[in-house]
């Protein structure tokens, strides 16, 4: 079963385009949008399990230059 999550990101505005482009190329990501509001970017991604999700957040997203904060929302159904 696939685990789906919507991940919200706050980024340094000087790096927003670079972060967006990097996220768009990640194999787990199905959709990504720049948004207005509390967060700057939202990504919909799919994972094999919780460990895959965790390593994606820590190793891929949070290691991108300019990412200030992430909030992960796992879909229940």
PDB file of N, CA and C in Angstrom:
ATOM      1  N   UNK A   1       0.840  -1.185   0.000  1.00  0.00           N
ATOM      2  CA  UNK A   1       0.000   0.000   0.000  1.00  0.00           C
ATOM      3  C   UNK A   1       0.882   1.244   0.000  1.00  0.00           C
ATOM      4  N   UNK A   2       0.502   2.220  -0.766  1.00  0.00           N
ATOM      5  CA  UNK A   2       1.264   3.452  -0.867  1.00  0.00           C
ATOM      6  C   UNK A   2       0.811   4.449   0.185  1.00  0.00           C
ATOM      7  N   UNK A   3       1.768   5.157   0.754  1.00  0.00           N
ATOM      8  CA  UNK A   3       1.514   6.209   1.727  1.00  0.00           C
ATOM      9  C   UNK A   3       1.586   7.541   0.997  1.00  0.00           C
ATOM     10  N   UNK A   4       0.509   8.334   1.058  1.00  0.00           N
ATOM     11  CA  UNK A   4       0.467   9.634   0.389  1.00  0.00           C
ATOM     12  C   UNK A   4       0.545  10.737   1.428  1.00  0.00           C
ATOM     13  N   UNK A   5       1.320  11.783   1.125  1.00  0.00           N
ATOM     14  CA  UNK A   5       1.460  12.909   2.041  1.00  0.00           C
ATOM     15  C   UNK A   5       1.486  14.214   1.265  1.00  0.00           C
ATOM     16  N   UNK A   6       0.924  15.241   1.888  1.00  0.00           N
ATOM     17  CA  UNK A   6       1.059  16.606   1.401  1.00  0.00           C
ATOM     18  C   UNK A   6       2.070  17.288   2.320  1.00  0.00           C
ATOM     19  N   UNK A   7       3.119  17.834   1.731  1.00  0.00           N
ATOM     20  CA  UNK A   7       4.207  18.427   2.503  1.00  0.00           C
ATOM     21  C   UNK A   7       4.256  19.918   2.199  1.00  0.00           C
ATOM     22  N   UNK A   8       4.118  20.711   3.244  1.00  0.00           N
ATOM     23  CA  UNK A   8       4.165  22.167   3.136  1.00  0.00           C
ATOM     24  C   UNK A   8       5.566  22.631   3.497  1.00  0.00           C
ATOM     25  N   UNK A   9       6.073  23.599   2.751  1.00  0.00           N
ATOM     26  CA  UNK A   9       7.433  24.093   2.995  1.00  0.00           C
ATOM     27  C   UNK A   9       7.456  25.611   3.087  1.00  0.00           C
ATOM     28  N   UNK A  10       8.209  26.118   4.044  1.00  0.00           N
ATOM     29  CA  UNK A  10       8.603  27.516   4.098  1.00  0.00           C
ATOM     30  C   UNK A  10      10.027  27.578   3.598  1.00  0.00           C
ATOM     31  N   UNK A  11      10.283  28.501   2.691  1.00  0.00           N
ATOM     32  CA  UNK A  11      11.619  28.606   2.114  1.00  0.00           C
ATOM     33  C   UNK A  11      12.085  30.055   2.124  1.00  0.00           C
ATOM     34  N   UNK A  12      13.396  30.222   2.086  1.00  0.00           N
ATOM     35  CA  UNK A  12      13.987  31.540   1.891  1.00  0.00           C
ATOM     36  C   UNK A  12      13.565  31.997   0.501  1.00  0.00           C
ATOM     37  N   UNK A  13      12.956  33.160   0.404  1.00  0.00           N
ATOM     38  CA  UNK A  13      12.387  33.604  -0.866  1.00  0.00           C
ATOM     39  C   UNK A  13      13.426  33.726  -1.981  1.00  0.00           C
ATOM     40  N   UNK A  14      14.671  33.952  -1.632  1.00  0.00           N
ATOM     41  CA  UNK A  14      15.712  34.057  -2.661  1.00  0.00           C
ATOM     42  C   UNK A  14      16.025  32.694  -3.295  1.00  0.00           C
ATOM     43  N   UNK A  15      15.573  31.616  -2.673  1.00  0.00           N
ATOM     44  CA  UNK A  15      15.832  30.268  -3.195  1.00  0.00           C
ATOM     45  C   UNK A  15      14.563  29.551  -3.647  1.00  0.00           C
ATOM     46  N   UNK A  16      13.431  30.232  -3.604  1.00  0.00           N
ATOM     47  CA  UNK A  16      12.143  29.570  -3.871  1.00  0.00           C
ATOM     48  C   UNK A  16      12.115  28.861  -5.222  1.00  0.00           C
ATOM     49  N   UNK A  17      12.556  29.496  -6.277  1.00  0.00           N
ATOM     50  CA  UNK A  17      12.520  28.864  -7.600  1.00  0.00           C
ATOM     51  C   UNK A  17      13.422  27.641  -7.666  1.00  0.00           C
ATOM     52  N   UNK A  18      14.611  27.718  -7.066  1.00  0.00           N
ATOM     53  CA  UNK A  18      15.533  26.585  -7.064  1.00  0.00           C
ATOM     54  C   UNK A  18      14.975  25.415  -6.263  1.00  0.00           C
ATOM     55  N   UNK A  19      14.391  25.708  -5.097  1.00  0.00           N
ATOM     56  CA  UNK A  19      13.793  24.658  -4.270  1.00  0.00           C
ATOM     57  C   UNK A  19      12.633  24.011  -5.020  1.00  0.00           C
ATOM     58  N   UNK A  20      11.780  24.831  -5.616  1.00  0.00           N
ATOM     59  CA  UNK A  20      10.645  24.319  -6.389  1.00  0.00           C
ATOM     60  C   UNK A  20      11.120  23.379  -7.498  1.00  0.00           C
ATOM     61  N   UNK A  21      12.118  23.808  -8.256  1.00  0.00           N
ATOM     62  CA  UNK A  21      12.633  22.995  -9.362  1.00  0.00           C
ATOM     63  C   UNK A  21      13.244  21.679  -8.866  1.00  0.00           C
ATOM     64  N   UNK A  22      13.951  21.724  -7.738  1.00  0.00           N
ATOM     65  CA  UNK A  22      14.562  20.515  -7.184  1.00  0.00           C
ATOM     66  C   UNK A  22      13.493  19.521  -6.720  1.00  0.00           C
ATOM     67  N   UNK A  23      12.461  20.028  -6.050  1.00  0.00           N
ATOM     68  CA  UNK A  23      11.383  19.162  -5.567  1.00  0.00           C
ATOM     69  C   UNK A  23      10.642  18.537  -6.736  1.00  0.00           C
ATOM     70  N   UNK A  24      10.407  19.309  -7.779  1.00  0.00           N
ATOM     71  CA  UNK A  24       9.678  18.836  -8.957  1.00  0.00           C
ATOM     72  C   UNK A  24      10.366  17.626  -9.593  1.00  0.00           C
ATOM     73  N   UNK A  25      11.679  17.526  -9.463  1.00  0.00           N
ATOM     74  CA  UNK A  25      12.438  16.447 -10.085  1.00  0.00           C
ATOM     75  C   UNK A  25      12.559  15.188  -9.208  1.00  0.00           C
ATOM     76  N   UNK A  26      12.119  15.246  -7.955  1.00  0.00           N
ATOM     77  CA  UNK A  26      12.251  14.107  -7.049  1.00  0.00           C
ATOM     78  C   UNK A  26      11.248  13.012  -7.420  1.00  0.00           C
ATOM     79  N   UNK A  27      11.719  11.765  -7.438  1.00  0.00           N
ATOM     80  CA  UNK A  27      10.888  10.657  -7.924  1.00  0.00           C
ATOM     81  C   UNK A  27       9.630  10.420  -7.095  1.00  0.00           C
ATOM     82  N   UNK A  28       9.648  10.755  -5.818  1.00  0.00           N
ATOM     83  CA  UNK A  28       8.482  10.531  -4.955  1.00  0.00           C
ATOM     84  C   UNK A  28       7.366  11.552  -5.194  1.00  0.00           C
ATOM     85  N   UNK A  29       7.712  12.702  -5.746  1.00  0.00           N
ATOM     86  CA  UNK A  29       6.778  13.818  -5.877  1.00  0.00           C
ATOM     87  C   UNK A  29       5.866  13.625  -7.083  1.00  0.00           C
ATOM     88  N   UNK A  30       4.559  13.734  -6.829  1.00  0.00           N
ATOM     89  CA  UNK A  30       3.551  13.611  -7.883  1.00  0.00           C
ATOM     90  C   UNK A  30       3.068  14.976  -8.369  1.00  0.00           C
ATOM     91  N   UNK A  31       2.986  15.951  -7.445  1.00  0.00           N
ATOM     92  CA  UNK A  31       2.556  17.311  -7.778  1.00  0.00           C
ATOM     93  C   UNK A  31       3.300  18.281  -6.870  1.00  0.00           C
ATOM     94  N   UNK A  32       3.562  19.481  -7.383  1.00  0.00           N
ATOM     95  CA  UNK A  32       4.184  20.519  -6.557  1.00  0.00           C
ATOM     96  C   UNK A  32       3.693  21.880  -7.046  1.00  0.00           C
ATOM     97  N   UNK A  33       3.399  22.760  -6.089  1.00  0.00           N
ATOM     98  CA  UNK A  33       2.868  24.084  -6.410  1.00  0.00           C
ATOM     99  C   UNK A  33       3.495  25.136  -5.498  1.00  0.00           C
ATOM    100  N   UNK A  34       3.713  26.328  -6.055  1.00  0.00           N
ATOM    101  CA  UNK A  34       4.003  27.495  -5.230  1.00  0.00           C
ATOM    102  C   UNK A  34       2.648  28.021  -4.777  1.00  0.00           C
ATOM    103  N   UNK A  35       2.565  28.409  -3.506  1.00  0.00           N
ATOM    104  CA  UNK A  35       1.286  28.840  -2.952  1.00  0.00           C
ATOM    105  C   UNK A  35       1.449  30.148  -2.183  1.00  0.00           C
ATOM    106  N   UNK A  36       0.334  30.815  -1.931  1.00  0.00           N
ATOM    107  CA  UNK A  36       0.299  32.021  -1.113  1.00  0.00           C
ATOM    108  C   UNK A  36      -0.303  31.664   0.232  1.00  0.00           C
ATOM    109  N   UNK A  37       0.228  32.245   1.289  1.00  0.00           N
ATOM    110  CA  UNK A  37      -0.297  31.979   2.625  1.00  0.00           C
ATOM    111  C   UNK A  37       0.836  31.740   3.602  1.00  0.00           C
ATOM    112  N   UNK A  38       0.581  30.937   4.587  1.00  0.00           N
ATOM    113  CA  UNK A  38       1.558  30.654   5.634  1.00  0.00           C
ATOM    114  C   UNK A  38       2.780  29.931   5.090  1.00  0.00           C
ATOM    115  N   UNK A  39       2.578  29.075   4.088  1.00  0.00           N
ATOM    116  CA  UNK A  39       3.675  28.328   3.481  1.00  0.00           C
ATOM    117  C   UNK A  39       3.892  28.800   2.049  1.00  0.00           C
ATOM    118  N   UNK A  40       5.043  28.413   1.492  1.00  0.00           N
ATOM    119  CA  UNK A  40       5.444  28.881   0.160  1.00  0.00           C
ATOM    120  C   UNK A  40       5.282  27.834  -0.936  1.00  0.00           C
ATOM    121  N   UNK A  41       5.431  26.571  -0.568  1.00  0.00           N
ATOM    122  CA  UNK A  41       5.370  25.463  -1.531  1.00  0.00           C
ATOM    123  C   UNK A  41       4.593  24.314  -0.899  1.00  0.00           C
ATOM    124  N   UNK A  42       3.797  23.616  -1.717  1.00  0.00           N
ATOM    125  CA  UNK A  42       3.145  22.384  -1.273  1.00  0.00           C
ATOM    126  C   UNK A  42       3.477  21.295  -2.286  1.00  0.00           C
ATOM    127  N   UNK A  43       3.806  20.122  -1.780  1.00  0.00           N
ATOM    128  CA  UNK A  43       4.119  18.981  -2.635  1.00  0.00           C
ATOM    129  C   UNK A  43       3.277  17.787  -2.212  1.00  0.00           C
ATOM    130  N   UNK A  44       2.744  17.088  -3.193  1.00  0.00           N
ATOM    131  CA  UNK A  44       2.059  15.816  -2.943  1.00  0.00           C
ATOM    132  C   UNK A  44       3.052  14.727  -3.336  1.00  0.00           C
ATOM    133  N   UNK A  45       3.299  13.802  -2.431  1.00  0.00           N
ATOM    134  CA  UNK A  45       4.289  12.755  -2.690  1.00  0.00           C
ATOM    135  C   UNK A  45       3.774  11.410  -2.199  1.00  0.00           C
ATOM    136  N   UNK A  46       4.335  10.341  -2.768  1.00  0.00           N
ATOM    137  CA  UNK A  46       3.948   8.977  -2.392  1.00  0.00           C
ATOM    138  C   UNK A  46       5.167   8.197  -1.942  1.00  0.00           C
ATOM    139  N   UNK A  47       4.943   7.342  -0.933  1.00  0.00           N
ATOM    140  CA  UNK A  47       6.035   6.611  -0.298  1.00  0.00           C
ATOM    141  C   UNK A  47       5.647   5.156  -0.072  1.00  0.00           C
ATOM    142  N   UNK A  48       6.664   4.305   0.050  1.00  0.00           N
ATOM    143  CA  UNK A  48       6.436   2.887   0.297  1.00  0.00           C
ATOM    144  C   UNK A  48       5.964   2.640   1.725  1.00  0.00           C
ATOM    145  N   UNK A  49       6.510   3.430   2.674  1.00  0.00           N
ATOM    146  CA  UNK A  49       6.182   3.249   4.085  1.00  0.00           C
ATOM    147  C   UNK A  49       6.658   4.477   4.871  1.00  0.00           C
ATOM    148  N   UNK A  50       6.463   4.440   6.189  1.00  0.00           N
ATOM    149  CA  UNK A  50       6.852   5.572   7.041  1.00  0.00           C
ATOM    150  C   UNK A  50       8.350   5.838   7.025  1.00  0.00           C
ATOM    151  N   UNK A  51       9.162   4.784   6.941  1.00  0.00           N
ATOM    152  CA  UNK A  51      10.611   4.972   6.894  1.00  0.00           C
ATOM    153  C   UNK A  51      11.026   5.702   5.621  1.00  0.00           C
ATOM    154  N   UNK A  52      10.404   5.353   4.515  1.00  0.00           N
ATOM    155  CA  UNK A  52      10.685   6.025   3.246  1.00  0.00           C
ATOM    156  C   UNK A  52      10.299   7.504   3.341  1.00  0.00           C
ATOM    157  N   UNK A  53       9.134   7.786   3.912  1.00  0.00           N
ATOM    158  CA  UNK A  53       8.687   9.170   4.113  1.00  0.00           C
ATOM    159  C   UNK A  53       9.678   9.934   4.982  1.00  0.00           C
ATOM    160  N   UNK A  54      10.069   9.343   6.093  1.00  0.00           N
ATOM    161  CA  UNK A  54      10.988   9.995   7.024  1.00  0.00           C
ATOM    162  C   UNK A  54      12.326  10.317   6.366  1.00  0.00           C
ATOM    163  N   UNK A  55      12.881   9.369   5.639  1.00  0.00           N
ATOM    164  CA  UNK A  55      14.174   9.619   4.992  1.00  0.00           C
ATOM    165  C   UNK A  55      14.038  10.663   3.884  1.00  0.00           C
ATOM    166  N   UNK A  56      12.903  10.694   3.205  1.00  0.00           N
ATOM    167  CA  UNK A  56      12.662  11.713   2.186  1.00  0.00           C
ATOM    168  C   UNK A  56      12.688  13.105   2.801  1.00  0.00           C
ATOM    169  N   UNK A  57      11.974  13.274   3.914  1.00  0.00           N
ATOM    170  CA  UNK A  57      11.918  14.585   4.573  1.00  0.00           C
ATOM    171  C   UNK A  57      13.297  15.004   5.053  1.00  0.00           C
ATOM    172  N   UNK A  58      13.974  14.133   5.774  1.00  0.00           N
ATOM    173  CA  UNK A  58      15.255  14.481   6.391  1.00  0.00           C
ATOM    174  C   UNK A  58      16.389  14.562   5.361  1.00  0.00           C
ATOM    175  N   UNK A  59      16.496  13.563   4.510  1.00  0.00           N
ATOM    176  CA  UNK A  59      17.648  13.475   3.610  1.00  0.00           C
ATOM    177  C   UNK A  59      17.505  14.286   2.327  1.00  0.00           C
ATOM    178  N   UNK A  60      16.276  14.427   1.841  1.00  0.00           N
ATOM    179  CA  UNK A  60      16.096  15.126   0.569  1.00  0.00           C
ATOM    180  C   UNK A  60      15.583  16.555   0.748  1.00  0.00           C
ATOM    181  N   UNK A  61      14.446  16.718   1.434  1.00  0.00           N
ATOM    182  CA  UNK A  61      13.847  18.046   1.526  1.00  0.00           C
ATOM    183  C   UNK A  61      14.610  18.983   2.451  1.00  0.00           C
ATOM    184  N   UNK A  62      14.828  18.552   3.678  1.00  0.00           N
ATOM    185  CA  UNK A  62      15.446  19.447   4.649  1.00  0.00           C
ATOM    186  C   UNK A  62      16.913  19.723   4.355  1.00  0.00           C
ATOM    187  N   UNK A  63      17.505  18.950   3.452  1.00  0.00           N
ATOM    188  CA  UNK A  63      18.901  19.205   3.081  1.00  0.00           C
ATOM    189  C   UNK A  63      19.018  20.223   1.951  1.00  0.00           C
ATOM    190  N   UNK A  64      17.894  20.596   1.330  1.00  0.00           N
ATOM    191  CA  UNK A  64      17.931  21.600   0.267  1.00  0.00           C
ATOM    192  C   UNK A  64      18.238  22.979   0.853  1.00  0.00           C
ATOM    193  N   UNK A  65      19.148  23.677   0.217  1.00  0.00           N
ATOM    194  CA  UNK A  65      19.480  25.026   0.664  1.00  0.00           C
ATOM    195  C   UNK A  65      18.253  25.925   0.504  1.00  0.00           C
ATOM    196  N   UNK A  66      17.907  26.617   1.576  1.00  0.00           N
ATOM    197  CA  UNK A  66      16.775  27.535   1.548  1.00  0.00           C
ATOM    198  C   UNK A  66      15.519  27.015   2.215  1.00  0.00           C
ATOM    199  N   UNK A  67      15.458  25.714   2.503  1.00  0.00           N
ATOM    200  CA  UNK A  67      14.282  25.172   3.196  1.00  0.00           C
ATOM    201  C   UNK A  67      14.389  25.545   4.671  1.00  0.00           C
ATOM    202  N   UNK A  68      13.408  26.285   5.152  1.00  0.00           N
ATOM    203  CA  UNK A  68      13.411  26.762   6.529  1.00  0.00           C
ATOM    204  C   UNK A  68      12.560  25.901   7.455  1.00  0.00           C
ATOM    205  N   UNK A  69      11.474  25.351   6.918  1.00  0.00           N
ATOM    206  CA  UNK A  69      10.518  24.600   7.745  1.00  0.00           C
ATOM    207  C   UNK A  69       9.695  23.696   6.847  1.00  0.00           C
ATOM    208  N   UNK A  70       9.333  22.517   7.368  1.00  0.00           N
ATOM    209  CA  UNK A  70       8.413  21.640   6.656  1.00  0.00           C
ATOM    210  C   UNK A  70       7.298  21.216   7.601  1.00  0.00           C
ATOM    211  N   UNK A  71       6.149  20.931   7.022  1.00  0.00           N
ATOM    212  CA  UNK A  71       5.031  20.357   7.775  1.00  0.00           C
ATOM    213  C   UNK A  71       4.466  19.236   6.917  1.00  0.00           C
ATOM    214  N   UNK A  72       4.443  18.038   7.466  1.00  0.00           N
ATOM    215  CA  UNK A  72       4.008  16.862   6.721  1.00  0.00           C
ATOM    216  C   UNK A  72       2.614  16.464   7.163  1.00  0.00           C
ATOM    217  N   UNK A  73       1.735  16.278   6.192  1.00  0.00           N
ATOM    218  CA  UNK A  73       0.363  15.869   6.441  1.00  0.00           C
ATOM    219  C   UNK A  73       0.100  14.571   5.697  1.00  0.00           C
ATOM    220  N   UNK A  74      -0.001  13.471   6.450  1.00  0.00           N
ATOM    221  CA  UNK A  74      -0.203  12.157   5.866  1.00  0.00           C
ATOM    222  C   UNK A  74      -1.686  11.927   5.642  1.00  0.00           C
ATOM    223  N   UNK A  75      -2.041  11.452   4.451  1.00  0.00           N
ATOM    224  CA  UNK A  75      -3.443  11.199   4.119  1.00  0.00           C
ATOM    225  C   UNK A  75      -3.936   9.938   4.818  1.00  0.00           C
ATOM    226  N   UNK A  76      -5.127  10.001   5.374  1.00  0.00           N
ATOM    227  CA  UNK A  76      -5.696   8.874   6.107  1.00  0.00           C
ATOM    228  C   UNK A  76      -6.446   7.920   5.183  1.00  0.00           C
ATOM    229  N   UNK A  77      -6.962   8.415   4.108  1.00  0.00           N
ATOM    230  CA  UNK A  77      -7.736   7.557   3.195  1.00  0.00           C
ATOM    231  C   UNK A  77      -7.524   7.981   1.754  1.00  0.00           C
TER     232      UNK A  77
END
